[in-house]
Amino acid sequence: MSDGSSSTGLKVAIVFAVLLGGFLLFRTFSGSSDPYSVDRLTEDVTIRCDETGKEWELNRGMMERMLRTRDNGADGLIDPSVGFVNSETGQPTGFPVNRDKDWEQTIERINEEKRAAASRGGRRG
């Protein structure tokens, strides 16, 4: 005869394993929500030239550094219509392949940080 408690224990173990597996999958594929996490800043971003289709890789941390240090005009904000310079054409037509994730969101975040810094008079804290 089978014991009802062993059947219940097996069911609990299966449910636990499924929940644990789901949590691990979620953590693996959800990515970090922190834009300054080491994992995120060390990702490679594929840049594609709109004119020639040439592609190159750029580390996300370097991409953000280049955006922060470029000459952005009088207001200091980054113009999202100006990409990275294609070394073959000399034109700023290089943009991340996934513009929604890698371009607009990044530029909006950096511009917001620049606005906040300007409103504090450039002071930190």
Foldseek 3Di string as FASTA:
>chain_A
DDDPVVVVVVVVVVVVVVVVVVVVVCVVPVDDPDCPDPVNQQDWFWKAFPPPRDIDIDRNVVVLVCQQPDDCPDVSAHDLCFACADPVPRGRRIDTPPCVPRGPVSSVVVRVVVVVCVVVVNDDD
